[in-house]
């Protein structure tokens, strides 16, 4: 098991898979990283990654030599996880702080887009 951090160099394929048991979609993102790794990470949102985004991931090798990757989970110092919706809300607060003259309706619309994207 090896922990790595790198930025996304390119997104070369996104494949949708539907779980037959619960009918929920998982999008597998095939990413080329700046460190040369080519990895695949599953997410519930189709556009979960962007070029230039830094990702910390764990690489594991199966007994047959195949590799699998999983994104490292982020936790607050107390060990509590922060949800994507909370991140989107904080992002909206930052947008408002940097654009104090923006209309509140514009900020709310941007927040709703982020929450939908993260859900």
C-alpha atoms as a PDB file:
ATOM      1  CA  UNK A   1       0.000   0.000   0.000  1.00  0.00           C
ATOM      2  CA  UNK A   2       1.461   3.315  -1.062  1.00  0.00           C
ATOM      3  CA  UNK A   3       0.101   6.827  -0.484  1.00  0.00           C
ATOM      4  CA  UNK A   4       0.729   9.326  -3.294  1.00  0.00           C
ATOM      5  CA  UNK A   5      -0.155  12.933  -4.017  1.00  0.00           C
ATOM      6  CA  UNK A   6      -0.167  14.450  -7.491  1.00  0.00           C
ATOM      7  CA  UNK A   7      -2.122  16.809  -9.724  1.00  0.00           C
ATOM      8  CA  UNK A   8      -4.452  15.643 -12.493  1.00  0.00           C
ATOM      9  CA  UNK A   9      -2.692  16.083 -15.837  1.00  0.00           C
ATOM     10  CA  UNK A  10      -5.565  14.818 -17.989  1.00  0.00           C
ATOM     11  CA  UNK A  11      -8.910  13.045 -17.752  1.00  0.00           C
ATOM     12  CA  UNK A  12      -8.893  10.548 -20.580  1.00  0.00           C
ATOM     13  CA  UNK A  13     -12.058   8.545 -19.928  1.00  0.00           C
ATOM     14  CA  UNK A  14     -15.140   8.531 -17.696  1.00  0.00           C
ATOM     15  CA  UNK A  15     -17.131   5.288 -17.572  1.00  0.00           C
ATOM     16  CA  UNK A  16     -20.539   4.966 -15.912  1.00  0.00           C
ATOM     17  CA  UNK A  17     -21.386   1.764 -14.037  1.00  0.00           C
ATOM     18  CA  UNK A  18     -24.779   1.100 -12.443  1.00  0.00           C
ATOM     19  CA  UNK A  19     -24.842  -1.074  -9.350  1.00  0.00           C
ATOM     20  CA  UNK A  20     -27.429  -3.794 -10.089  1.00  0.00           C
ATOM     21  CA  UNK A  21     -28.381  -4.106  -6.416  1.00  0.00           C
ATOM     22  CA  UNK A  22     -29.318  -0.491  -5.671  1.00  0.00           C
ATOM     23  CA  UNK A  23     -29.377   1.055  -9.180  1.00  0.00           C
ATOM     24  CA  UNK A  24     -26.954   3.809  -8.128  1.00  0.00           C
ATOM     25  CA  UNK A  25     -24.443   5.090 -10.666  1.00  0.00           C
ATOM     26  CA  UNK A  26     -20.689   5.167 -10.116  1.00  0.00           C
ATOM     27  CA  UNK A  27     -18.493   7.094 -12.539  1.00  0.00           C
ATOM     28  CA  UNK A  28     -14.992   5.683 -12.968  1.00  0.00           C
ATOM     29  CA  UNK A  29     -12.535   8.422 -13.888  1.00  0.00           C
ATOM     30  CA  UNK A  30      -9.390   7.348 -15.717  1.00  0.00           C
ATOM     31  CA  UNK A  31      -6.835   9.988 -14.857  1.00  0.00           C
ATOM     32  CA  UNK A  32      -3.291  10.669 -15.925  1.00  0.00           C
ATOM     33  CA  UNK A  33      -1.379  12.253 -13.084  1.00  0.00           C
ATOM     34  CA  UNK A  34       1.552  14.670 -13.285  1.00  0.00           C
ATOM     35  CA  UNK A  35       3.730  12.073 -11.507  1.00  0.00           C
ATOM     36  CA  UNK A  36       3.192   9.687 -14.449  1.00  0.00           C
ATOM     37  CA  UNK A  37       0.618   7.404 -12.797  1.00  0.00           C
ATOM     38  CA  UNK A  38      -2.486   6.378 -14.720  1.00  0.00           C
ATOM     39  CA  UNK A  39      -5.212   5.665 -12.193  1.00  0.00           C
ATOM     40  CA  UNK A  40      -8.947   4.979 -12.046  1.00  0.00           C
ATOM     41  CA  UNK A  41     -11.106   6.375  -9.236  1.00  0.00           C
ATOM     42  CA  UNK A  42     -14.841   5.834  -8.756  1.00  0.00           C
ATOM     43  CA  UNK A  43     -17.095   8.726  -7.722  1.00  0.00           C
ATOM     44  CA  UNK A  44     -20.847   9.305  -7.586  1.00  0.00           C
ATOM     45  CA  UNK A  45     -20.556  12.500  -9.651  1.00  0.00           C
ATOM     46  CA  UNK A  46     -19.582  12.514 -13.313  1.00  0.00           C
ATOM     47  CA  UNK A  47     -17.345  15.580 -13.201  1.00  0.00           C
ATOM     48  CA  UNK A  48     -15.650  14.973  -9.845  1.00  0.00           C
ATOM     49  CA  UNK A  49     -12.136  15.909 -10.982  1.00  0.00           C
ATOM     50  CA  UNK A  50     -10.577  18.784 -12.898  1.00  0.00           C
ATOM     51  CA  UNK A  51      -7.223  19.169 -14.605  1.00  0.00           C
ATOM     52  CA  UNK A  52      -4.788  20.711 -12.133  1.00  0.00           C
ATOM     53  CA  UNK A  53      -6.648  19.396  -9.076  1.00  0.00           C
ATOM     54  CA  UNK A  54      -4.359  17.864  -6.469  1.00  0.00           C
ATOM     55  CA  UNK A  55      -5.410  14.419  -5.275  1.00  0.00           C
ATOM     56  CA  UNK A  56      -4.025  12.209  -2.541  1.00  0.00           C
ATOM     57  CA  UNK A  57      -4.693   8.571  -3.287  1.00  0.00           C
ATOM     58  CA  UNK A  58      -3.691   5.146  -2.042  1.00  0.00           C
ATOM     59  CA  UNK A  59      -2.347   2.568  -4.478  1.00  0.00           C
ATOM     60  CA  UNK A  60      -2.756  -1.103  -3.591  1.00  0.00           C
ATOM     61  CA  UNK A  61      -1.603  -4.139  -5.515  1.00  0.00           C
ATOM     62  CA  UNK A  62      -3.678  -7.305  -5.622  1.00  0.00           C
ATOM     63  CA  UNK A  63      -2.091 -10.735  -5.396  1.00  0.00           C
ATOM     64  CA  UNK A  64      -2.406 -11.219  -9.158  1.00  0.00           C
ATOM     65  CA  UNK A  65      -0.422  -8.011  -9.802  1.00  0.00           C
ATOM     66  CA  UNK A  66      -3.350  -5.755 -10.728  1.00  0.00           C
ATOM     67  CA  UNK A  67      -3.482  -2.383  -9.025  1.00  0.00           C
ATOM     68  CA  UNK A  68      -6.405  -0.547  -7.479  1.00  0.00           C
ATOM     69  CA  UNK A  69      -6.615   3.003  -6.209  1.00  0.00           C
ATOM     70  CA  UNK A  70      -8.791   4.842  -3.758  1.00  0.00           C
ATOM     71  CA  UNK A  71      -8.864   8.501  -2.915  1.00  0.00           C
ATOM     72  CA  UNK A  72      -7.711   9.327   0.582  1.00  0.00           C
ATOM     73  CA  UNK A  73     -10.594  10.444   2.764  1.00  0.00           C
ATOM     74  CA  UNK A  74     -10.276  13.898   4.243  1.00  0.00           C
ATOM     75  CA  UNK A  75     -11.078  14.384   7.915  1.00  0.00           C
ATOM     76  CA  UNK A  76     -11.150  17.355  10.211  1.00  0.00           C
ATOM     77  CA  UNK A  77      -8.649  17.383  13.102  1.00  0.00           C
ATOM     78  CA  UNK A  78     -11.224  15.793  15.426  1.00  0.00           C
ATOM     79  CA  UNK A  79     -11.721  12.938  12.962  1.00  0.00           C
ATOM     80  CA  UNK A  80     -15.123  14.081  11.711  1.00  0.00           C
ATOM     81  CA  UNK A  81     -15.608  13.887   7.942  1.00  0.00           C
ATOM     82  CA  UNK A  82     -16.717  16.990   6.064  1.00  0.00           C
ATOM     83  CA  UNK A  83     -19.364  16.446   3.406  1.00  0.00           C
ATOM     84  CA  UNK A  84     -19.287  17.725  -0.161  1.00  0.00           C
ATOM     85  CA  UNK A  85     -22.294  19.926   0.637  1.00  0.00           C
ATOM     86  CA  UNK A  86     -20.408  21.527   3.514  1.00  0.00           C
ATOM     87  CA  UNK A  87     -17.457  22.169   1.190  1.00  0.00           C
ATOM     88  CA  UNK A  88     -19.821  23.750  -1.358  1.00  0.00           C
ATOM     89  CA  UNK A  89     -21.327  25.981   1.348  1.00  0.00           C
ATOM     90  CA  UNK A  90     -17.883  27.107   2.490  1.00  0.00           C
ATOM     91  CA  UNK A  91     -16.988  27.793  -1.138  1.00  0.00           C
ATOM     92  CA  UNK A  92     -20.064  30.001  -1.490  1.00  0.00           C
ATOM     93  CA  UNK A  93     -19.052  31.903   1.649  1.00  0.00           C
ATOM     94  CA  UNK A  94     -15.612  32.482   0.163  1.00  0.00           C
ATOM     95  CA  UNK A  95     -17.167  33.675  -3.126  1.00  0.00           C
ATOM     96  CA  UNK A  96     -19.320  36.146  -1.191  1.00  0.00           C
ATOM     97  CA  UNK A  97     -16.348  37.365   0.849  1.00  0.00           C
ATOM     98  CA  UNK A  98     -14.326  38.029  -2.304  1.00  0.00           C
ATOM     99  CA  UNK A  99     -17.280  39.603  -4.132  1.00  0.00           C
ATOM    100  CA  UNK A 100     -19.138  41.602  -1.460  1.00  0.00           C
ATOM    101  CA  UNK A 101     -21.065  43.608  -4.063  1.00  0.00           C
ATOM    102  CA  UNK A 102     -22.494  40.505  -5.747  1.00  0.00           C
ATOM    103  CA  UNK A 103     -26.212  40.043  -5.593  1.00  0.00           C
ATOM    104  CA  UNK A 104     -27.272  37.498  -2.990  1.00  0.00           C
ATOM    105  CA  UNK A 105     -29.399  35.714  -5.618  1.00  0.00           C
ATOM    106  CA  UNK A 106     -26.275  35.155  -7.755  1.00  0.00           C
ATOM    107  CA  UNK A 107     -24.402  33.682  -4.776  1.00  0.00           C
ATOM    108  CA  UNK A 108     -27.363  31.426  -3.932  1.00  0.00           C
ATOM    109  CA  UNK A 109     -27.570  30.228  -7.547  1.00  0.00           C
ATOM    110  CA  UNK A 110     -23.841  29.422  -7.548  1.00  0.00           C
ATOM    111  CA  UNK A 111     -24.217  27.578  -4.242  1.00  0.00           C
ATOM    112  CA  UNK A 112     -27.159  25.527  -5.568  1.00  0.00           C
ATOM    113  CA  UNK A 113     -25.114  24.533  -8.625  1.00  0.00           C
ATOM    114  CA  UNK A 114     -22.235  23.393  -6.418  1.00  0.00           C
ATOM    115  CA  UNK A 115     -24.513  21.447  -4.078  1.00  0.00           C
ATOM    116  CA  UNK A 116     -26.178  19.701  -7.060  1.00  0.00           C
ATOM    117  CA  UNK A 117     -22.763  18.943  -8.554  1.00  0.00           C
ATOM    118  CA  UNK A 118     -21.559  17.440  -5.264  1.00  0.00           C
ATOM    119  CA  UNK A 119     -24.705  15.436  -4.509  1.00  0.00           C
END
